[in-house]
């Protein structure tokens, strides 16, 4: 299993930045996690649109999903690959975003995706992957994902506030891809700091931690230093193009 960081800016893009998007590959299957603003163009640096096997969206904040709209146009009107791409979204997702669809885009969306809502603790299989969805304390419609294949496991928090959800999702995983939006002194109840993410990685017993979704302006060197005080394993700060063999 391989993880590629496509986009990782938190909440809004910094200069040259891209919304959240991660590519997970195994046995020739391409699973896309989140597709925030600007991510579709950068994703095509790694795979063709027609290669997308399935998409899983963590929650309906624009930095995590807006390029789904462009993708639907590319699939429907641009004929870039087959339509009815499996799209896994948290419960209530479509109600949140449906107002963005107008004539010309609504039919594109309906043809482009085979949408399935997932609940907390839902499990599903797609391609070679077994996926567990877990509700997170961020919005009323947010999930993280635990993705397993080939005897390995990747845990992705999506956006989450403090709580045991991240620990339960990541227990014993080979790699935890965790949001780390803020640093010490900027704690909130709907995002994590790098230190909080690292503490959960330690509690979950993961092998490696990748910090992502840093808010533009947050110093990654500081985030890494604070995380290292709470996790003794390997830590990396995400940046577009980084690849991890899992």
Protein backbone atom coordinates (compact mmCIF):
# COMPACT_ATOMS: atom_id res chain seq x y z
CA UNK A 1 0.00 0.00 0.00
CA UNK A 2 1.31 3.47 -0.87
CA UNK A 3 0.17 6.92 0.30
CA UNK A 4 0.84 10.06 -1.74
CA UNK A 5 0.13 13.54 -0.39
CA UNK A 6 -1.59 15.51 -3.15
CA UNK A 7 -2.70 18.56 -1.15
CA UNK A 8 -2.51 19.29 2.56
CA UNK A 9 -3.17 22.96 3.41
CA UNK A 10 -5.49 23.45 6.36
CA UNK A 11 -8.74 25.42 6.13
CA UNK A 12 -7.62 27.56 3.16
CA UNK A 13 -4.70 27.35 0.72
CA UNK A 14 -1.51 29.30 1.27
CA UNK A 15 0.51 30.64 -1.67
CA UNK A 16 0.73 27.84 -4.23
CA UNK A 17 -1.17 25.56 -1.85
CA UNK A 18 -3.86 22.97 -2.38
CA UNK A 19 -6.82 21.72 -0.35
CA UNK A 20 -6.76 18.33 1.32
CA UNK A 21 -6.28 15.33 -0.97
CA UNK A 22 -4.47 12.02 -0.54
CA UNK A 23 -3.97 9.15 -2.95
CA UNK A 24 -3.90 5.59 -1.59
CA UNK A 25 -2.80 2.87 -4.01
CA UNK A 26 -2.59 -0.91 -3.81
CA UNK A 27 -2.70 -3.66 -6.41
CA UNK A 28 -3.28 -1.15 -9.21
CA UNK A 29 -6.32 0.48 -7.55
CA UNK A 30 -6.42 4.24 -6.86
CA UNK A 31 -8.45 5.47 -3.89
CA UNK A 32 -8.71 9.23 -3.38
CA UNK A 33 -9.26 10.62 0.12
CA UNK A 34 -10.79 14.11 0.00
CA UNK A 35 -10.63 16.43 -3.02
CA UNK A 36 -10.31 20.01 -1.87
CA UNK A 37 -9.82 23.15 -3.92
CA UNK A 38 -7.06 22.83 -6.51
CA UNK A 39 -6.53 19.14 -5.81
CA UNK A 40 -7.88 17.77 -9.09
CA UNK A 41 -5.17 19.46 -11.14
CA UNK A 42 -2.42 18.30 -8.80
CA UNK A 43 -3.87 14.78 -8.62
CA UNK A 44 -3.33 14.48 -12.37
CA UNK A 45 0.41 14.82 -11.77
CA UNK A 46 0.14 11.30 -10.32
CA UNK A 47 -2.76 9.56 -12.07
CA UNK A 48 -5.19 10.25 -14.89
CA UNK A 49 -8.78 11.16 -14.08
CA UNK A 50 -9.82 7.88 -15.70
CA UNK A 51 -7.68 5.99 -13.16
CA UNK A 52 -9.71 7.11 -10.14
CA UNK A 53 -11.23 3.95 -8.70
CA UNK A 54 -13.16 5.48 -5.80
CA UNK A 55 -13.32 8.58 -3.63
CA UNK A 56 -13.96 8.96 0.10
CA UNK A 57 -14.77 12.40 1.53
CA UNK A 58 -14.31 13.17 5.21
CA UNK A 59 -16.72 16.10 5.59
CA UNK A 60 -18.46 18.95 3.73
CA UNK A 61 -16.01 21.79 4.32
CA UNK A 62 -14.84 23.35 1.03
CA UNK A 63 -11.15 22.61 1.57
CA UNK A 64 -12.00 18.90 1.49
CA UNK A 65 -14.51 18.45 -1.31
CA UNK A 66 -14.94 21.35 -3.77
CA UNK A 67 -13.00 19.80 -6.65
CA UNK A 68 -15.63 17.06 -6.77
CA UNK A 69 -17.67 19.61 -8.71
CA UNK A 70 -14.94 20.03 -11.32
CA UNK A 71 -14.42 16.28 -11.44
CA UNK A 72 -18.10 15.70 -12.19
CA UNK A 73 -17.82 18.09 -15.14
CA UNK A 74 -14.69 16.33 -16.41
CA UNK A 75 -16.39 12.93 -16.19
CA UNK A 76 -19.77 13.93 -17.61
CA UNK A 77 -19.03 16.66 -20.13
CA UNK A 78 -15.35 15.99 -20.76
CA UNK A 79 -15.66 12.19 -21.02
CA UNK A 80 -12.50 11.70 -18.98
CA UNK A 81 -13.14 8.12 -17.96
CA UNK A 82 -16.20 6.15 -16.97
CA UNK A 83 -18.94 7.68 -14.83
CA UNK A 84 -20.59 6.26 -11.69
CA UNK A 85 -17.34 6.52 -9.73
CA UNK A 86 -17.97 5.18 -6.21
CA UNK A 87 -18.17 8.14 -3.83
CA UNK A 88 -18.32 7.51 -0.08
CA UNK A 89 -19.46 10.48 2.01
CA UNK A 90 -20.61 11.03 5.60
CA UNK A 91 -24.31 11.08 6.36
CA UNK A 92 -25.92 14.40 5.41
CA UNK A 93 -23.11 15.40 3.05
CA UNK A 94 -25.30 15.87 -0.02
CA UNK A 95 -27.80 18.01 1.90
CA UNK A 96 -24.96 20.35 2.78
CA UNK A 97 -23.55 20.76 -0.73
CA UNK A 98 -26.53 20.25 -3.06
CA UNK A 99 -27.22 24.01 -3.23
CA UNK A 100 -24.03 24.40 -5.28
CA UNK A 101 -25.53 22.32 -8.11
CA UNK A 102 -27.37 24.11 -10.91
CA UNK A 103 -28.66 22.92 -14.31
CA UNK A 104 -25.69 21.57 -16.18
CA UNK A 105 -23.85 20.61 -13.04
CA UNK A 106 -26.59 18.66 -11.28
CA UNK A 107 -26.91 16.11 -14.09
CA UNK A 108 -23.12 15.90 -14.28
CA UNK A 109 -22.96 15.09 -10.56
CA UNK A 110 -25.75 12.52 -10.75
CA UNK A 111 -24.06 10.69 -13.63
CA UNK A 112 -20.48 11.06 -12.45
CA UNK A 113 -20.85 9.49 -9.02
CA UNK A 114 -22.42 6.47 -7.39
CA UNK A 115 -22.82 8.05 -3.99
CA UNK A 116 -23.09 6.15 -0.72
CA UNK A 117 -23.47 7.73 2.70
CA UNK A 118 -21.54 6.10 5.53
CA UNK A 119 -22.27 6.24 9.23
CA UNK A 120 -20.01 6.05 12.24
CA UNK A 121 -18.52 2.53 12.45
CA UNK A 122 -19.64 1.58 8.94
CA UNK A 123 -17.32 -0.80 7.12
CA UNK A 124 -17.12 -1.20 3.37
CA UNK A 125 -14.89 -2.74 0.74
CA UNK A 126 -13.69 -0.98 -2.39
CA UNK A 127 -11.11 -2.41 -4.74
CA UNK A 128 -8.50 -4.19 -2.58
CA UNK A 129 -9.26 -2.02 0.44
CA UNK A 130 -11.27 -2.67 3.56
CA UNK A 131 -12.39 0.67 4.99
CA UNK A 132 -13.80 1.60 8.39
CA UNK A 133 -15.47 5.00 8.82
CA UNK A 134 -15.45 6.64 12.22
CA UNK A 135 -17.32 9.78 13.23
CA UNK A 136 -15.10 12.66 14.38
CA UNK A 137 -15.82 15.71 16.59
CA UNK A 138 -15.52 18.40 13.93
CA UNK A 139 -18.87 19.02 12.20
CA UNK A 140 -22.19 17.23 12.47
CA UNK A 141 -21.15 15.33 9.34
CA UNK A 142 -17.48 14.31 9.66
CA UNK A 143 -15.68 10.98 9.53
CA UNK A 144 -12.16 9.65 9.52
CA UNK A 145 -11.12 6.48 7.70
CA UNK A 146 -9.06 3.42 8.54
CA UNK A 147 -7.91 1.74 5.33
CA UNK A 148 -6.50 -1.77 5.31
CA UNK A 149 -4.94 -3.87 2.56
CA UNK A 150 -2.18 -6.43 2.30
CA UNK A 151 -1.97 -6.81 6.07
CA UNK A 152 -1.24 -3.10 6.56
CA UNK A 153 -3.37 -0.25 7.89
CA UNK A 154 -3.48 3.51 7.33
CA UNK A 155 -5.57 5.75 9.58
CA UNK A 156 -6.69 9.18 8.34
CA UNK A 157 -8.36 11.47 10.88
CA UNK A 158 -9.89 13.90 8.40
CA UNK A 159 -10.59 17.01 10.48
CA UNK A 160 -11.20 16.31 14.13
CA UNK A 161 -11.21 17.91 17.52
CA UNK A 162 -9.72 16.36 20.66
CA UNK A 163 -11.11 13.04 21.85
CA UNK A 164 -10.57 9.32 21.74
CA UNK A 165 -11.85 8.95 18.17
CA UNK A 166 -8.36 9.35 16.70
CA UNK A 167 -6.95 6.78 19.09
CA UNK A 168 -9.64 4.23 18.33
CA UNK A 169 -9.29 4.79 14.58
CA UNK A 170 -5.50 4.48 14.64
CA UNK A 171 -5.02 1.67 17.17
CA UNK A 172 -2.06 -0.40 15.95
CA UNK A 173 -2.01 1.22 12.49
CA UNK A 174 1.20 1.32 10.49
CA UNK A 175 0.76 5.01 9.73
CA UNK A 176 -1.45 7.75 11.16
CA UNK A 177 -2.20 10.66 8.84
CA UNK A 178 -3.46 13.20 11.34
CA UNK A 179 -4.66 16.75 11.08
CA UNK A 180 -2.45 19.13 13.08
CA UNK A 181 -3.99 22.47 12.24
CA UNK A 182 -2.58 24.46 15.13
CA UNK A 183 0.27 24.67 17.64
CA UNK A 184 0.44 25.00 21.41
CA UNK A 185 -1.58 27.95 22.66
CA UNK A 186 -4.08 27.81 19.82
CA UNK A 187 -6.13 24.82 20.99
CA UNK A 188 -9.71 24.50 19.75
CA UNK A 189 -12.42 21.90 20.28
CA UNK A 190 -12.78 21.17 16.54
CA UNK A 191 -9.12 20.89 15.43
CA UNK A 192 -5.93 19.32 16.80
CA UNK A 193 -2.54 20.75 17.56
CA UNK A 194 0.59 18.88 16.50
CA UNK A 195 1.21 17.89 20.13
CA UNK A 196 -2.32 16.51 20.52
CA UNK A 197 -1.98 14.50 17.31
CA UNK A 198 1.33 13.10 18.54
CA UNK A 199 -0.12 12.18 21.93
CA UNK A 200 -2.90 10.24 20.22
CA UNK A 201 -0.34 8.50 18.00
CA UNK A 202 1.51 7.38 21.11
CA UNK A 203 -1.66 6.16 22.81
CA UNK A 204 -2.70 4.28 19.65
CA UNK A 205 0.69 2.60 19.29
CA UNK A 206 1.20 3.57 15.64
CA UNK A 207 4.53 3.16 13.88
CA UNK A 208 4.63 6.44 11.98
CA UNK A 209 2.90 9.81 12.19
CA UNK A 210 2.33 12.24 9.33
CA UNK A 211 1.15 15.70 10.38
CA UNK A 212 -1.13 17.36 7.85
CA UNK A 213 -3.70 20.16 7.44
CA UNK A 214 -1.39 22.77 8.98
CA UNK A 215 -3.04 26.15 8.71
CA UNK A 216 -1.14 28.52 6.38
CA UNK A 217 1.28 30.55 8.47
CA UNK A 218 1.89 27.79 11.01
CA UNK A 219 5.62 27.01 11.20
CA UNK A 220 6.10 23.33 10.30
CA UNK A 221 9.41 23.29 12.20
CA UNK A 222 7.57 24.29 15.37
CA UNK A 223 4.81 21.74 14.71
CA UNK A 224 7.40 19.00 14.30
CA UNK A 225 9.27 20.01 17.46
CA UNK A 226 6.11 20.04 19.57
CA UNK A 227 4.99 16.70 18.17
CA UNK A 228 8.35 15.11 18.94
CA UNK A 229 7.84 15.88 22.61
CA UNK A 230 4.77 13.59 22.60
CA UNK A 231 5.67 10.82 20.13
CA UNK A 232 8.94 8.90 19.94
CA UNK A 233 8.34 7.32 16.53
CA UNK A 234 8.96 8.65 13.03
CA UNK A 235 7.19 11.95 12.32
CA UNK A 236 6.88 13.76 9.00
CA UNK A 237 5.14 17.02 8.14
CA UNK A 238 3.10 16.51 4.96
CA UNK A 239 3.88 18.36 1.76
CA UNK A 240 2.56 17.83 -1.77
CA UNK A 241 4.27 14.99 -3.57
CA UNK A 242 5.50 13.09 -0.51
CA UNK A 243 5.06 9.32 -0.81
CA UNK A 244 4.96 6.73 1.93
CA UNK A 245 5.20 2.97 1.50
CA UNK A 246 2.98 1.31 4.09
